Amino acid sequence: MSALPGPGGPAGGAARRRRRRWTTWLPLAVLLLLAVEIWLLMQVGHLVGTAWVLVLLLVETAAGVAVLRRAGRRGLEAFRLGVARPWGAPVPGQHPGAVGDALLTGAGGVLLVLPGLLSDVLGLLCIVPVTRRLLRRAFARLVRRRVERAVRAAGGVVPGDVVPGDVLDGDVVDGDVVDGGPRELGPGRR
């Protein structure tokens, strides 16, 4: 067994155990969510009547389909505009989180189509702009951390890491970091 982190090393075994735990608990979480959704629908049915619950389910499904159609158009447009650009390059006429917004809005539409009150609340959180922005930022942080962890585990370097000079290939140039934007040079300063 190798001492280096990787598929055969200690870090690989830990990753497999985490993955096994995740795949074990996910079906149980889905079943629990389903049970809570059914219980909530029954409670609301007792309060307002079965007919109103059915009307609520039909309205939420129609709203979810409308949101999905709108999100689909926006998502396709965001992907079409951004597909030829390198990662992080700004797209003219598109705000930076357009693709993430389209994906979250689509997820919100799917959650609205699913029958249930908890899924509706989660779907609305994905659709409302303020909460969607917060969810997008949290998801971006999660993805960035996971990617950085994977890159470090593979022996790579991510921006912000401090590395010794012998790790880098090529010449290292010492310099100073100067805060502030570009300044105009005065007369005689070229």
N, C-alpha and C. Protein backbone atom coordinates (compact mmCIF):
# COMPACT_ATOMS: atom_id res chain seq x y z
N MET A 1 0.85 -1.18 0.00
CA MET A 1 0.00 0.00 0.00
C MET A 1 0.89 1.23 0.00
N SER A 2 0.60 2.17 -0.85
CA SER A 2 1.44 3.35 -1.00
C SER A 2 1.14 4.38 0.07
N ALA A 3 2.15 5.16 0.44
CA ALA A 3 1.97 6.20 1.45
C ALA A 3 1.45 7.49 0.85
N LEU A 4 1.47 7.56 -0.47
CA LEU A 4 1.00 8.78 -1.13
C LEU A 4 -0.51 8.79 -1.21
N PRO A 5 -1.13 9.98 -1.06
CA PRO A 5 -2.57 10.05 -1.22
C PRO A 5 -2.93 9.76 -2.67
N GLY A 6 -3.97 9.06 -2.86
CA GLY A 6 -4.41 8.74 -4.21
C GLY A 6 -5.35 7.57 -4.15
N PRO A 7 -5.64 6.97 -5.31
CA PRO A 7 -6.61 5.89 -5.34
C PRO A 7 -6.22 4.71 -4.46
N GLY A 8 -4.89 4.38 -4.35
CA GLY A 8 -4.50 3.23 -3.56
C GLY A 8 -4.08 3.59 -2.15
N GLY A 9 -3.90 4.87 -1.86
CA GLY A 9 -3.39 5.29 -0.56
C GLY A 9 -4.48 5.50 0.46
N PRO A 10 -4.09 6.02 1.61
CA PRO A 10 -5.06 6.23 2.70
C PRO A 10 -6.16 7.21 2.33
N ALA A 11 -5.84 8.24 1.58
CA ALA A 11 -6.87 9.23 1.21
C ALA A 11 -7.91 8.60 0.29
N GLY A 12 -7.49 7.66 -0.55
CA GLY A 12 -8.44 6.99 -1.45
C GLY A 12 -9.46 6.16 -0.69
N GLY A 13 -9.00 5.47 0.37
CA GLY A 13 -9.90 4.68 1.18
C GLY A 13 -10.91 5.54 1.92
N ALA A 14 -10.45 6.69 2.41
CA ALA A 14 -11.36 7.61 3.11
C ALA A 14 -12.42 8.14 2.16
N ALA A 15 -12.01 8.44 0.94
CA ALA A 15 -12.97 8.93 -0.05
C ALA A 15 -14.01 7.86 -0.37
N ARG A 16 -13.57 6.62 -0.47
CA ARG A 16 -14.52 5.54 -0.74
C ARG A 16 -15.50 5.37 0.42
N ARG A 17 -14.99 5.47 1.67
CA ARG A 17 -15.89 5.34 2.82
C ARG A 17 -16.91 6.47 2.84
N ARG A 18 -16.44 7.71 2.55
CA ARG A 18 -17.38 8.85 2.51
C ARG A 18 -18.44 8.62 1.44
N ARG A 19 -18.00 8.13 0.28
CA ARG A 19 -18.95 7.90 -0.81
C ARG A 19 -19.95 6.83 -0.41
N ARG A 20 -19.49 5.77 0.24
CA ARG A 20 -20.40 4.71 0.68
C ARG A 20 -21.41 5.24 1.69
N ARG A 21 -20.95 6.07 2.64
CA ARG A 21 -21.87 6.65 3.62
C ARG A 21 -22.93 7.48 2.92
N TRP A 22 -22.50 8.29 1.97
CA TRP A 22 -23.41 9.17 1.24
C TRP A 22 -24.45 8.36 0.49
N THR A 23 -24.03 7.30 -0.21
CA THR A 23 -24.98 6.50 -0.97
C THR A 23 -25.86 5.66 -0.06
N THR A 24 -25.43 5.42 1.16
CA THR A 24 -26.27 4.69 2.12
C THR A 24 -27.37 5.59 2.66
N TRP A 25 -27.03 6.83 2.99
CA TRP A 25 -27.98 7.72 3.63
C TRP A 25 -28.91 8.42 2.66
N LEU A 26 -28.54 8.58 1.40
CA LEU A 26 -29.39 9.31 0.45
C LEU A 26 -30.77 8.65 0.27
N PRO A 27 -30.85 7.35 0.01
CA PRO A 27 -32.20 6.75 -0.12
C PRO A 27 -33.04 6.90 1.15
N LEU A 28 -32.40 6.79 2.31
CA LEU A 28 -33.14 6.96 3.56
C LEU A 28 -33.64 8.40 3.71
N ALA A 29 -32.83 9.37 3.30
CA ALA A 29 -33.25 10.77 3.36
C ALA A 29 -34.41 11.03 2.41
N VAL A 30 -34.38 10.43 1.23
CA VAL A 30 -35.48 10.60 0.27
C VAL A 30 -36.76 9.99 0.83
N LEU A 31 -36.66 8.82 1.42
CA LEU A 31 -37.85 8.18 2.03
C LEU A 31 -38.40 9.02 3.18
N LEU A 32 -37.52 9.57 4.00
CA LEU A 32 -37.96 10.43 5.10
C LEU A 32 -38.65 11.68 4.55
N LEU A 33 -38.07 12.28 3.52
CA LEU A 33 -38.69 13.46 2.91
C LEU A 33 -40.07 13.12 2.33
N LEU A 34 -40.17 11.98 1.68
CA LEU A 34 -41.45 11.54 1.14
C LEU A 34 -42.49 11.35 2.24
N ALA A 35 -42.09 10.75 3.35
CA ALA A 35 -43.01 10.54 4.47
C ALA A 35 -43.46 11.88 5.06
N VAL A 36 -42.53 12.83 5.20
CA VAL A 36 -42.88 14.15 5.74
C VAL A 36 -43.82 14.88 4.79
N GLU A 37 -43.56 14.79 3.47
CA GLU A 37 -44.42 15.43 2.48
C GLU A 37 -45.85 14.88 2.55
N ILE A 38 -45.98 13.57 2.64
CA ILE A 38 -47.31 12.96 2.72
C ILE A 38 -48.00 13.38 4.01
N TRP A 39 -47.27 13.37 5.12
CA TRP A 39 -47.85 13.77 6.39
C TRP A 39 -48.32 15.23 6.34
N LEU A 40 -47.50 16.12 5.76
CA LEU A 40 -47.89 17.54 5.65
C LEU A 40 -49.14 17.70 4.78
N LEU A 41 -49.19 16.99 3.67
CA LEU A 41 -50.38 17.09 2.80
C LEU A 41 -51.63 16.59 3.52
N MET A 42 -51.49 15.55 4.31
CA MET A 42 -52.64 15.05 5.07
C MET A 42 -53.07 16.07 6.11
N GLN A 43 -52.12 16.71 6.79
CA GLN A 43 -52.46 17.72 7.80
C GLN A 43 -53.16 18.92 7.16
N VAL A 44 -52.64 19.37 6.04
CA VAL A 44 -53.28 20.50 5.34
C VAL A 44 -54.65 20.08 4.83
N GLY A 45 -54.77 18.84 4.37
CA GLY A 45 -56.07 18.32 3.91
C GLY A 45 -57.10 18.32 5.03
N HIS A 46 -56.69 17.99 6.23
CA HIS A 46 -57.61 18.02 7.37
C HIS A 46 -58.02 19.45 7.71
N LEU A 47 -57.11 20.40 7.53
CA LEU A 47 -57.41 21.81 7.86
C LEU A 47 -58.32 22.48 6.83
N VAL A 48 -57.97 22.35 5.56
CA VAL A 48 -58.69 23.11 4.53
C VAL A 48 -59.55 22.25 3.63
N GLY A 49 -59.38 20.95 3.68
CA GLY A 49 -60.18 20.06 2.85
C GLY A 49 -59.36 19.48 1.70
N THR A 50 -59.76 18.28 1.31
CA THR A 50 -59.03 17.56 0.27
C THR A 50 -59.11 18.27 -1.07
N ALA A 51 -60.25 18.86 -1.39
CA ALA A 51 -60.41 19.54 -2.68
C ALA A 51 -59.43 20.70 -2.81
N TRP A 52 -59.23 21.46 -1.73
CA TRP A 52 -58.30 22.60 -1.79
C TRP A 52 -56.86 22.13 -1.90
N VAL A 53 -56.55 21.00 -1.29
CA VAL A 53 -55.20 20.45 -1.42
C VAL A 53 -54.96 20.04 -2.87
N LEU A 54 -55.95 19.42 -3.50
CA LEU A 54 -55.80 19.04 -4.91
C LEU A 54 -55.65 20.27 -5.81
N VAL A 55 -56.41 21.33 -5.52
CA VAL A 55 -56.27 22.57 -6.28
C VAL A 55 -54.86 23.14 -6.08
N LEU A 56 -54.38 23.13 -4.85
CA LEU A 56 -53.03 23.61 -4.56
C LEU A 56 -51.98 22.81 -5.35
N LEU A 57 -52.13 21.50 -5.38
CA LEU A 57 -51.18 20.66 -6.11
C LEU A 57 -51.23 20.95 -7.61
N LEU A 58 -52.42 21.17 -8.16
CA LEU A 58 -52.52 21.50 -9.59
C LEU A 58 -51.90 22.85 -9.90
N VAL A 59 -52.14 23.84 -9.04
CA VAL A 59 -51.59 25.18 -9.26
C VAL A 59 -50.07 25.15 -9.16
N GLU A 60 -49.55 24.45 -8.16
CA GLU A 60 -48.09 24.39 -8.02
C GLU A 60 -47.45 23.67 -9.20
N THR A 61 -48.09 22.64 -9.71
CA THR A 61 -47.55 21.93 -10.86
C THR A 61 -47.55 22.83 -12.10
N ALA A 62 -48.65 23.56 -12.32
CA ALA A 62 -48.70 24.48 -13.46
C ALA A 62 -47.66 25.59 -13.33
N ALA A 63 -47.47 26.11 -12.12
CA ALA A 63 -46.45 27.14 -11.90
C ALA A 63 -45.06 26.56 -12.14
N GLY A 64 -44.83 25.35 -11.71
CA GLY A 64 -43.53 24.71 -11.93
C GLY A 64 -43.23 24.50 -13.40
N VAL A 65 -44.24 24.10 -14.17
CA VAL A 65 -44.05 23.92 -15.62
C VAL A 65 -43.73 25.26 -16.28
N ALA A 66 -44.43 26.33 -15.88
CA ALA A 66 -44.15 27.66 -16.44
C ALA A 66 -42.74 28.11 -16.09
N VAL A 67 -42.32 27.88 -14.85
CA VAL A 67 -40.97 28.27 -14.44
C VAL A 67 -39.93 27.46 -15.22
N LEU A 68 -40.19 26.17 -15.41
CA LEU A 68 -39.25 25.34 -16.17
C LEU A 68 -39.11 25.80 -17.61
N ARG A 69 -40.21 26.17 -18.23
CA ARG A 69 -40.14 26.66 -19.62
C ARG A 69 -39.31 27.93 -19.69
N ARG A 70 -39.55 28.85 -18.77
CA ARG A 70 -38.82 30.12 -18.75
C ARG A 70 -37.34 29.88 -18.44
N ALA A 71 -37.08 29.05 -17.44
CA ALA A 71 -35.69 28.76 -17.06
C ALA A 71 -34.96 28.03 -18.18
N GLY A 72 -35.67 27.17 -18.89
CA GLY A 72 -35.05 26.45 -20.00
C GLY A 72 -34.58 27.39 -21.09
N ARG A 73 -35.43 28.35 -21.44
CA ARG A 73 -35.03 29.34 -22.46
C ARG A 73 -33.84 30.16 -21.99
N ARG A 74 -33.91 30.64 -20.75
CA ARG A 74 -32.80 31.45 -20.23
C ARG A 74 -31.52 30.64 -20.10
N GLY A 75 -31.65 29.42 -19.65
CA GLY A 75 -30.47 28.56 -19.50
C GLY A 75 -29.81 28.26 -20.83
N LEU A 76 -30.61 27.94 -21.83
CA LEU A 76 -30.04 27.68 -23.15
C LEU A 76 -29.33 28.92 -23.69
N GLU A 77 -29.93 30.08 -23.49
CA GLU A 77 -29.31 31.32 -23.96
C GLU A 77 -28.01 31.59 -23.20
N ALA A 78 -28.01 31.37 -21.88
CA ALA A 78 -26.79 31.59 -21.09
C ALA A 78 -25.68 30.64 -21.52
N PHE A 79 -26.03 29.36 -21.74
CA PHE A 79 -25.02 28.40 -22.18
C PHE A 79 -24.54 28.73 -23.59
N ARG A 80 -25.46 29.13 -24.47
CA ARG A 80 -25.08 29.45 -25.84
C ARG A 80 -24.09 30.61 -25.86
N LEU A 81 -24.34 31.63 -25.05
CA LEU A 81 -23.44 32.78 -25.01
C LEU A 81 -22.10 32.43 -24.37
N GLY A 82 -22.09 31.57 -23.38
CA GLY A 82 -20.87 31.30 -22.64
C GLY A 82 -20.09 30.10 -23.10
N VAL A 83 -20.59 29.33 -24.05
CA VAL A 83 -19.94 28.08 -24.41
C VAL A 83 -18.59 28.28 -25.11
N ALA A 84 -18.42 29.33 -25.87
CA ALA A 84 -17.18 29.54 -26.60
C ALA A 84 -16.15 30.32 -25.79
N ARG A 85 -16.49 30.68 -24.57
CA ARG A 85 -15.59 31.50 -23.75
C ARG A 85 -14.85 30.62 -22.76
N PRO A 86 -13.60 31.01 -22.44
CA PRO A 86 -12.89 30.27 -21.39
C PRO A 86 -13.55 30.52 -20.04
N TRP A 87 -13.28 29.64 -19.09
CA TRP A 87 -13.86 29.77 -17.76
C TRP A 87 -13.53 31.13 -17.17
N GLY A 88 -14.53 31.79 -16.65
CA GLY A 88 -14.33 33.06 -15.97
C GLY A 88 -14.34 34.27 -16.89
N ALA A 89 -14.36 34.07 -18.20
CA ALA A 89 -14.36 35.22 -19.11
C ALA A 89 -15.75 35.85 -19.11
N PRO A 90 -15.84 37.17 -19.01
CA PRO A 90 -17.14 37.82 -18.99
C PRO A 90 -17.84 37.70 -20.34
N VAL A 91 -19.14 37.56 -20.30
CA VAL A 91 -19.95 37.49 -21.51
C VAL A 91 -20.66 38.83 -21.65
N PRO A 92 -20.47 39.52 -22.78
CA PRO A 92 -21.13 40.82 -22.95
C PRO A 92 -22.64 40.69 -22.84
N GLY A 93 -23.26 41.56 -22.06
CA GLY A 93 -24.71 41.57 -21.93
C GLY A 93 -25.25 40.52 -20.99
N GLN A 94 -24.41 39.83 -20.25
CA GLN A 94 -24.87 38.77 -19.36
C GLN A 94 -24.22 38.97 -17.99
N HIS A 95 -25.03 38.92 -16.93
CA HIS A 95 -24.44 39.07 -15.61
C HIS A 95 -23.68 37.81 -15.24
N PRO A 96 -22.68 37.91 -14.35
CA PRO A 96 -21.77 36.80 -14.08
C PRO A 96 -22.45 35.51 -13.62
N GLY A 97 -23.55 35.57 -12.92
CA GLY A 97 -24.18 34.36 -12.41
C GLY A 97 -25.34 33.87 -13.24
N ALA A 98 -25.40 34.22 -14.53
CA ALA A 98 -26.57 33.89 -15.35
C ALA A 98 -26.77 32.38 -15.47
N VAL A 99 -25.71 31.64 -15.67
CA VAL A 99 -25.84 30.19 -15.82
C VAL A 99 -26.29 29.57 -14.50
N GLY A 100 -25.68 30.00 -13.39
CA GLY A 100 -26.08 29.49 -12.09
C GLY A 100 -27.52 29.84 -11.76
N ASP A 101 -27.93 31.06 -12.11
CA ASP A 101 -29.33 31.46 -11.89
C ASP A 101 -30.27 30.58 -12.70
N ALA A 102 -29.91 30.32 -13.95
CA ALA A 102 -30.76 29.49 -14.80
C ALA A 102 -30.87 28.07 -14.24
N LEU A 103 -29.74 27.53 -13.75
CA LEU A 103 -29.78 26.18 -13.18
C LEU A 103 -30.60 26.12 -11.90
N LEU A 104 -30.44 27.12 -11.04
CA LEU A 104 -31.22 27.14 -9.80
C LEU A 104 -32.70 27.36 -10.08
N THR A 105 -33.01 28.22 -11.05
CA THR A 105 -34.42 28.43 -11.40
C THR A 105 -35.02 27.14 -11.96
N GLY A 106 -34.25 26.43 -12.78
CA GLY A 106 -34.72 25.14 -13.29
C GLY A 106 -34.95 24.14 -12.18
N ALA A 107 -34.03 24.10 -11.22
CA ALA A 107 -34.20 23.19 -10.07
C ALA A 107 -35.44 23.59 -9.27
N GLY A 108 -35.66 24.91 -9.13
CA GLY A 108 -36.86 25.37 -8.44
C GLY A 108 -38.12 24.95 -9.16
N GLY A 109 -38.09 25.02 -10.49
CA GLY A 109 -39.25 24.57 -11.27
C GLY A 109 -39.52 23.09 -11.09
N VAL A 110 -38.46 22.29 -11.08
CA VAL A 110 -38.63 20.85 -10.85
C VAL A 110 -39.21 20.59 -9.47
N LEU A 111 -38.72 21.31 -8.47
CA LEU A 111 -39.25 21.14 -7.12
C LEU A 111 -40.70 21.57 -7.01
N LEU A 112 -41.10 22.59 -7.79
CA LEU A 112 -42.50 23.00 -7.79
C LEU A 112 -43.39 21.97 -8.47
N VAL A 113 -42.87 21.32 -9.49
CA VAL A 113 -43.67 20.30 -10.19
C VAL A 113 -43.92 19.10 -9.29
N LEU A 114 -42.94 18.76 -8.46
CA LEU A 114 -43.13 17.63 -7.55
C LEU A 114 -44.22 17.95 -6.54
N PRO A 115 -45.12 17.00 -6.28
CA PRO A 115 -46.17 17.27 -5.30
C PRO A 115 -45.60 17.25 -3.89
N GLY A 116 -45.95 18.25 -3.12
CA GLY A 116 -45.50 18.32 -1.74
C GLY A 116 -45.24 19.75 -1.33
N LEU A 117 -45.40 20.02 -0.05
CA LEU A 117 -45.24 21.37 0.46
C LEU A 117 -43.78 21.73 0.73
N LEU A 118 -42.99 20.79 1.26
CA LEU A 118 -41.57 21.07 1.49
C LEU A 118 -40.84 21.32 0.18
N SER A 119 -41.13 20.52 -0.84
CA SER A 119 -40.49 20.72 -2.14
C SER A 119 -40.90 22.07 -2.74
N ASP A 120 -42.14 22.51 -2.46
CA ASP A 120 -42.57 23.83 -2.93
C ASP A 120 -41.79 24.95 -2.27
N VAL A 121 -41.58 24.82 -0.96
CA VAL A 121 -40.82 25.85 -0.24
C VAL A 121 -39.39 25.90 -0.76
N LEU A 122 -38.77 24.73 -0.94
CA LEU A 122 -37.41 24.70 -1.49
C LEU A 122 -37.37 25.26 -2.91
N GLY A 123 -38.40 24.93 -3.70
CA GLY A 123 -38.48 25.46 -5.07
C GLY A 123 -38.61 26.97 -5.09
N LEU A 124 -39.43 27.50 -4.20
CA LEU A 124 -39.56 28.96 -4.13
C LEU A 124 -38.26 29.63 -3.69
N LEU A 125 -37.52 28.97 -2.79
CA LEU A 125 -36.22 29.52 -2.39
C LEU A 125 -35.25 29.58 -3.58
N CYS A 126 -35.38 28.63 -4.50
CA CYS A 126 -34.52 28.62 -5.69
C CYS A 126 -34.96 29.65 -6.72
N ILE A 127 -36.21 30.08 -6.66
CA ILE A 127 -36.76 30.98 -7.68
C ILE A 127 -36.66 32.45 -7.27
N VAL A 128 -36.89 32.74 -6.00
CA VAL A 128 -36.85 34.13 -5.52
C VAL A 128 -35.43 34.67 -5.68
N PRO A 129 -35.25 35.82 -6.35
CA PRO A 129 -33.90 36.31 -6.67
C PRO A 129 -32.96 36.45 -5.46
N VAL A 130 -33.45 36.95 -4.33
CA VAL A 130 -32.56 37.16 -3.18
C VAL A 130 -32.02 35.84 -2.65
N THR A 131 -32.89 34.88 -2.43
CA THR A 131 -32.44 33.60 -1.90
C THR A 131 -31.69 32.80 -2.97
N ARG A 132 -32.06 32.96 -4.23
CA ARG A 132 -31.34 32.28 -5.31
C ARG A 132 -29.89 32.75 -5.35
N ARG A 133 -29.65 34.04 -5.17
CA ARG A 133 -28.29 34.58 -5.16
C ARG A 133 -27.48 33.97 -4.01
N LEU A 134 -28.12 33.87 -2.83
CA LEU A 134 -27.43 33.27 -1.68
C LEU A 134 -27.12 31.79 -1.93
N LEU A 135 -28.07 31.07 -2.49
CA LEU A 135 -27.85 29.66 -2.80
C LEU A 135 -26.75 29.49 -3.85
N ARG A 136 -26.74 30.36 -4.86
CA ARG A 136 -25.72 30.28 -5.92
C ARG A 136 -24.32 30.50 -5.33
N ARG A 137 -24.19 31.48 -4.45
CA ARG A 137 -22.88 31.74 -3.83
C ARG A 137 -22.44 30.58 -2.94
N ALA A 138 -23.38 30.04 -2.17
CA ALA A 138 -23.03 28.91 -1.30
C ALA A 138 -22.62 27.70 -2.13
N PHE A 139 -23.34 27.43 -3.22
CA PHE A 139 -23.01 26.31 -4.09
C PHE A 139 -21.66 26.52 -4.76
N ALA A 140 -21.38 27.76 -5.20
CA ALA A 140 -20.09 28.06 -5.84
C ALA A 140 -18.94 27.85 -4.85
N ARG A 141 -19.13 28.27 -3.59
CA ARG A 141 -18.10 28.04 -2.57
C ARG A 141 -17.87 26.55 -2.34
N LEU A 142 -18.96 25.79 -2.28
CA LEU A 142 -18.84 24.35 -2.07
C LEU A 142 -18.08 23.69 -3.22
N VAL A 143 -18.44 24.05 -4.45
CA VAL A 143 -17.77 23.47 -5.61
C VAL A 143 -16.29 23.87 -5.63
N ARG A 144 -16.01 25.14 -5.36
CA ARG A 144 -14.62 25.61 -5.36
C ARG A 144 -13.79 24.85 -4.33
N ARG A 145 -14.32 24.65 -3.12
CA ARG A 145 -13.59 23.92 -2.08
C ARG A 145 -13.32 22.47 -2.50
N ARG A 146 -14.34 21.84 -3.08
CA ARG A 146 -14.16 20.45 -3.51
C ARG A 146 -13.12 20.33 -4.62
N VAL A 147 -13.16 21.26 -5.58
CA VAL A 147 -12.19 21.23 -6.67
C VAL A 147 -10.79 21.47 -6.13
N GLU A 148 -10.64 22.46 -5.24
CA GLU A 148 -9.33 22.73 -4.66
C GLU A 148 -8.82 21.53 -3.87
N ARG A 149 -9.69 20.87 -3.12
CA ARG A 149 -9.29 19.70 -2.36
C ARG A 149 -8.84 18.58 -3.30
N ALA A 150 -9.57 18.39 -4.40
CA ALA A 150 -9.19 17.35 -5.36
C ALA A 150 -7.87 17.68 -6.04
N VAL A 151 -7.65 18.95 -6.37
CA VAL A 151 -6.39 19.36 -7.02
C VAL A 151 -5.23 19.16 -6.06
N ARG A 152 -5.42 19.55 -4.80
CA ARG A 152 -4.34 19.36 -3.81
C ARG A 152 -4.06 17.89 -3.58
N ALA A 153 -5.11 17.06 -3.54
CA ALA A 153 -4.92 15.62 -3.34
C ALA A 153 -4.15 15.00 -4.50
N ALA A 154 -4.30 15.56 -5.68
CA ALA A 154 -3.59 15.04 -6.85
C ALA A 154 -2.18 15.62 -6.95
N GLY A 155 -1.80 16.48 -5.99
CA GLY A 155 -0.46 17.05 -6.00
C GLY A 155 -0.37 18.36 -6.74
N GLY A 156 -1.48 18.95 -7.08
CA GLY A 156 -1.47 20.22 -7.80
C GLY A 156 -1.45 21.41 -6.86
N VAL A 157 -1.39 22.58 -7.45
CA VAL A 157 -1.35 23.83 -6.70
C VAL A 157 -2.53 24.67 -7.16
N VAL A 158 -3.24 25.24 -6.21
CA VAL A 158 -4.37 26.11 -6.53
C VAL A 158 -4.00 27.55 -6.21
N PRO A 159 -4.64 28.53 -6.84
CA PRO A 159 -4.32 29.93 -6.54
C PRO A 159 -4.46 30.22 -5.05
N GLY A 160 -3.45 30.92 -4.51
CA GLY A 160 -3.45 31.25 -3.10
C GLY A 160 -2.54 30.36 -2.28
N ASP A 161 -2.11 29.22 -2.85
CA ASP A 161 -1.18 28.35 -2.14
C ASP A 161 0.20 28.98 -2.11
N VAL A 162 0.91 28.81 -1.01
CA VAL A 162 2.30 29.24 -0.91
C VAL A 162 3.14 28.00 -1.13
N VAL A 163 4.00 28.05 -2.14
CA VAL A 163 4.79 26.88 -2.48
C VAL A 163 6.27 27.24 -2.43
N PRO A 164 7.11 26.28 -2.08
CA PRO A 164 8.55 26.55 -2.10
C PRO A 164 9.03 26.71 -3.54
N GLY A 165 10.13 27.41 -3.70
CA GLY A 165 10.64 27.71 -5.04
C GLY A 165 11.00 26.49 -5.85
N ASP A 166 11.39 25.38 -5.21
CA ASP A 166 11.80 24.21 -5.99
C ASP A 166 10.62 23.44 -6.57
N VAL A 167 9.39 23.77 -6.18
CA VAL A 167 8.21 23.09 -6.72
C VAL A 167 7.85 23.63 -8.10
N LEU A 168 8.09 24.92 -8.30
CA LEU A 168 7.71 25.56 -9.54
C LEU A 168 8.71 25.24 -10.64
N ASP A 169 8.24 25.09 -11.85
CA ASP A 169 9.11 24.91 -13.00
C ASP A 169 9.44 26.29 -13.56
N GLY A 170 10.67 26.48 -13.97
CA GLY A 170 11.04 27.74 -14.59
C GLY A 170 11.60 28.71 -13.56
N ASP A 171 11.71 29.96 -13.98
CA ASP A 171 12.29 31.00 -13.14
C ASP A 171 11.25 31.59 -12.21
N VAL A 172 11.68 31.96 -11.03
CA VAL A 172 10.84 32.65 -10.07
C VAL A 172 11.36 34.07 -9.97
N VAL A 173 10.49 35.03 -10.15
CA VAL A 173 10.87 36.43 -10.10
C VAL A 173 10.30 37.03 -8.82
N ASP A 174 11.17 37.55 -7.97
CA ASP A 174 10.70 38.20 -6.76
C ASP A 174 10.12 39.55 -7.14
N GLY A 175 9.09 39.96 -6.44
CA GLY A 175 8.48 41.25 -6.72
C GLY A 175 7.63 41.71 -5.55
N ASP A 176 7.06 42.88 -5.69
CA ASP A 176 6.20 43.44 -4.66
C ASP A 176 4.79 43.55 -5.21
N VAL A 177 3.81 43.35 -4.33
CA VAL A 177 2.41 43.52 -4.70
C VAL A 177 2.03 44.96 -4.41
N VAL A 178 1.50 45.63 -5.40
CA VAL A 178 1.11 47.03 -5.25
C VAL A 178 -0.40 47.09 -5.36
N ASP A 179 -1.06 47.58 -4.30
CA ASP A 179 -2.51 47.71 -4.34
C ASP A 179 -2.89 48.93 -5.14
N GLY A 180 -4.10 48.89 -5.70
CA GLY A 180 -4.60 50.03 -6.45
C GLY A 180 -4.65 49.72 -7.93
N GLY A 181 -5.36 50.54 -8.63
CA GLY A 181 -5.53 50.35 -10.06
C GLY A 181 -4.41 51.01 -10.83
N PRO A 182 -4.54 51.01 -12.13
CA PRO A 182 -3.51 51.63 -12.95
C PRO A 182 -3.46 53.13 -12.69
N ARG A 183 -2.24 53.66 -12.66
CA ARG A 183 -2.05 55.09 -12.45
C ARG A 183 -1.38 55.68 -13.67
N GLU A 184 -1.73 56.90 -13.90
CA GLU A 184 -1.08 57.59 -15.02
C GLU A 184 0.31 58.01 -14.57
N LEU A 185 1.24 57.89 -15.46
CA LEU A 185 2.60 58.31 -15.16
C LEU A 185 2.69 59.81 -15.35
N GLY A 186 3.34 60.45 -14.42
CA GLY A 186 3.53 61.89 -14.53
C GLY A 186 4.61 62.23 -15.53
N PRO A 187 4.85 63.50 -15.74
CA PRO A 187 5.90 63.90 -16.67
C PRO A 187 7.26 63.39 -16.20
N GLY A 188 7.97 62.81 -17.13
CA GLY A 188 9.31 62.30 -16.84
C GLY A 188 9.31 60.97 -16.16
N ARG A 189 8.16 60.31 -15.96
CA ARG A 189 8.09 58.99 -15.29
C ARG A 189 7.66 57.95 -16.29
N ARG A 190 8.56 57.47 -17.07
CA ARG A 190 8.22 56.46 -18.07
C ARG A 190 9.08 55.26 -17.94
